[in-house]
Amino acid sequence: MDIYNQKLAKYDDGKRHIFTAKFVRADKHNGVFQELTVNNEDNLVVQQIALKMSKSFKDLQLQKGDTVQFEGVVKQNKRGEYLVQRPINVDKIASAPDQNNSKVHVVGDDWDWFRN
């Protein structure tokens, strides 16, 4: 796993980009998202990323598997990690598939992403 999100480096240009990702889960301040793509291209950039759960995300009352689209700016922090910041125009573009009707066994994601 690319913990520094190096594939986002080329988008660190100060411009807003359109991101699409699947919601996994949230805590009080952050949310875990998977399959982050940029600018509506078929280009999986980051497998998993933590984003601040802004009011825009919280208002959508996201469920695991919901797909969201938003605009954001890529910035590199002091630790060298590339993050997506200042999300705006957040919208849920697809709801999670109904897990009760699925015949696929889903493995839990009970590890704690936010634990220090």
Protein backbone atom coordinates (compact mmCIF):
# COMPACT_ATOMS: atom_id res chain seq x y z
CA MET A 1 0.00 0.00 0.00
CA ASP A 2 1.24 3.47 -0.88
CA ILE A 3 0.94 5.15 2.53
CA TYR A 4 2.23 8.46 1.17
CA ASN A 5 -0.16 8.51 -1.79
CA GLN A 6 2.69 9.31 -4.20
CA LYS A 7 0.43 8.86 -7.24
CA LEU A 8 -1.36 12.06 -6.17
CA ALA A 9 1.89 14.06 -6.56
CA LYS A 10 1.18 15.00 -10.19
CA TYR A 11 -2.11 16.59 -9.08
CA ASP A 12 -0.36 18.83 -6.50
CA ASP A 13 -0.63 21.86 -8.76
CA GLY A 14 -2.84 24.16 -6.67
CA LYS A 15 -5.85 23.51 -8.91
CA ARG A 16 -9.12 21.84 -7.96
CA HIS A 17 -9.67 18.37 -9.37
CA ILE A 18 -12.76 16.17 -9.42
CA PHE A 19 -12.41 13.06 -7.24
CA THR A 20 -14.56 9.96 -7.05
CA ALA A 21 -14.27 7.39 -4.25
CA LYS A 22 -16.18 4.71 -2.34
CA PHE A 23 -16.96 5.35 1.31
CA VAL A 24 -15.84 2.67 3.79
CA ARG A 25 -16.37 4.10 7.28
CA ALA A 26 -15.91 7.15 9.48
CA ASP A 27 -15.07 8.22 12.97
CA LYS A 28 -15.66 11.62 14.53
CA HIS A 29 -13.16 13.51 12.34
CA ASN A 30 -12.03 11.32 9.41
CA GLY A 31 -13.48 8.98 6.85
CA VAL A 32 -11.85 6.09 5.03
CA PHE A 33 -12.46 5.99 1.29
CA GLN A 34 -11.36 3.44 -1.32
CA GLU A 35 -10.71 3.45 -5.04
CA LEU A 36 -9.99 7.17 -5.40
CA THR A 37 -9.96 8.35 -9.01
CA VAL A 38 -9.26 11.80 -10.45
CA ASN A 39 -10.95 13.90 -13.15
CA ASN A 40 -13.46 11.23 -14.23
CA GLU A 41 -10.68 9.20 -15.82
CA ASP A 42 -10.50 5.44 -15.49
CA ASN A 43 -7.39 5.79 -13.33
CA LEU A 44 -7.37 4.28 -9.87
CA VAL A 45 -4.92 6.61 -8.13
CA VAL A 46 -5.18 5.60 -4.48
CA GLN A 47 -6.54 2.31 -3.13
CA GLN A 48 -7.40 3.75 0.28
CA ILE A 49 -7.23 7.25 1.74
CA ALA A 50 -8.41 9.04 4.87
CA LEU A 51 -10.23 12.35 4.37
CA LYS A 52 -11.56 14.82 6.90
CA MET A 53 -15.28 14.28 7.37
CA SER A 54 -16.42 17.79 6.55
CA LYS A 55 -20.02 18.86 7.04
CA SER A 56 -20.63 18.18 3.33
CA PHE A 57 -19.71 14.51 3.78
CA LYS A 58 -21.64 14.18 7.05
CA ASP A 59 -24.80 15.69 5.54
CA LEU A 60 -24.92 12.86 2.97
CA GLN A 61 -25.26 10.24 5.77
CA LEU A 62 -23.00 7.89 3.83
CA GLN A 63 -23.28 4.13 4.11
CA LYS A 64 -20.47 1.67 3.43
CA GLY A 65 -20.09 1.28 -0.34
CA ASP A 66 -21.67 4.60 -1.34
CA THR A 67 -19.78 6.37 -4.13
CA VAL A 68 -19.13 10.10 -3.77
CA GLN A 69 -17.79 12.74 -6.09
CA PHE A 70 -16.27 16.02 -4.99
CA GLU A 71 -13.77 18.70 -5.90
CA GLY A 72 -10.58 19.05 -3.88
CA VAL A 73 -7.00 20.25 -3.87
CA VAL A 74 -3.99 17.94 -3.44
CA LYS A 75 -1.36 19.12 -0.96
CA GLN A 76 1.75 17.52 0.49
CA ASN A 77 2.02 17.65 4.29
CA LYS A 78 5.16 17.88 6.46
CA ARG A 79 5.50 14.08 6.59
CA GLY A 80 5.62 13.86 2.80
CA GLU A 81 2.10 12.44 2.44
CA TYR A 82 -0.15 13.71 -0.32
CA LEU A 83 -3.64 14.52 0.91
CA VAL A 84 -6.86 15.69 -0.71
CA GLN A 85 -8.02 18.83 1.08
CA ARG A 86 -10.81 21.42 1.02
CA PRO A 87 -13.55 19.25 -0.52
CA ILE A 88 -16.45 21.15 -2.07
CA ASN A 89 -19.44 20.24 -4.24
CA VAL A 90 -19.69 16.86 -2.49
CA ASP A 91 -22.37 14.61 -3.94
CA LYS A 92 -23.35 10.96 -3.56
CA ILE A 93 -23.43 9.60 -7.11
CA ALA A 94 -24.21 5.95 -6.33
CA SER A 95 -25.66 4.09 -3.36
CA ALA A 96 -24.08 0.99 -1.90
CA PRO A 97 -25.29 -2.30 -3.34
CA ASP A 98 -27.77 -4.09 -1.11
CA GLN A 99 -25.58 -6.42 0.97
CA ASN A 100 -28.56 -8.54 2.05
CA ASN A 101 -29.24 -9.70 -1.51
CA SER A 102 -25.61 -10.41 -2.28
CA LYS A 103 -24.38 -14.01 -2.38
CA VAL A 104 -20.80 -12.86 -1.90
CA HIS A 105 -19.26 -13.24 1.54
CA VAL A 106 -17.83 -9.88 2.67
CA VAL A 107 -14.81 -9.93 4.96
CA GLY A 108 -15.04 -7.38 7.78
CA ASP A 109 -13.00 -4.21 7.99
CA ASP A 110 -12.81 -4.19 11.77
CA TRP A 111 -9.19 -3.05 12.05
CA ASP A 112 -8.86 0.42 13.47
CA TRP A 113 -7.45 2.76 10.81
CA PHE A 114 -7.33 5.69 13.22
CA ARG A 115 -5.68 4.04 16.23
CA ASN A 116 -2.24 5.46 17.06
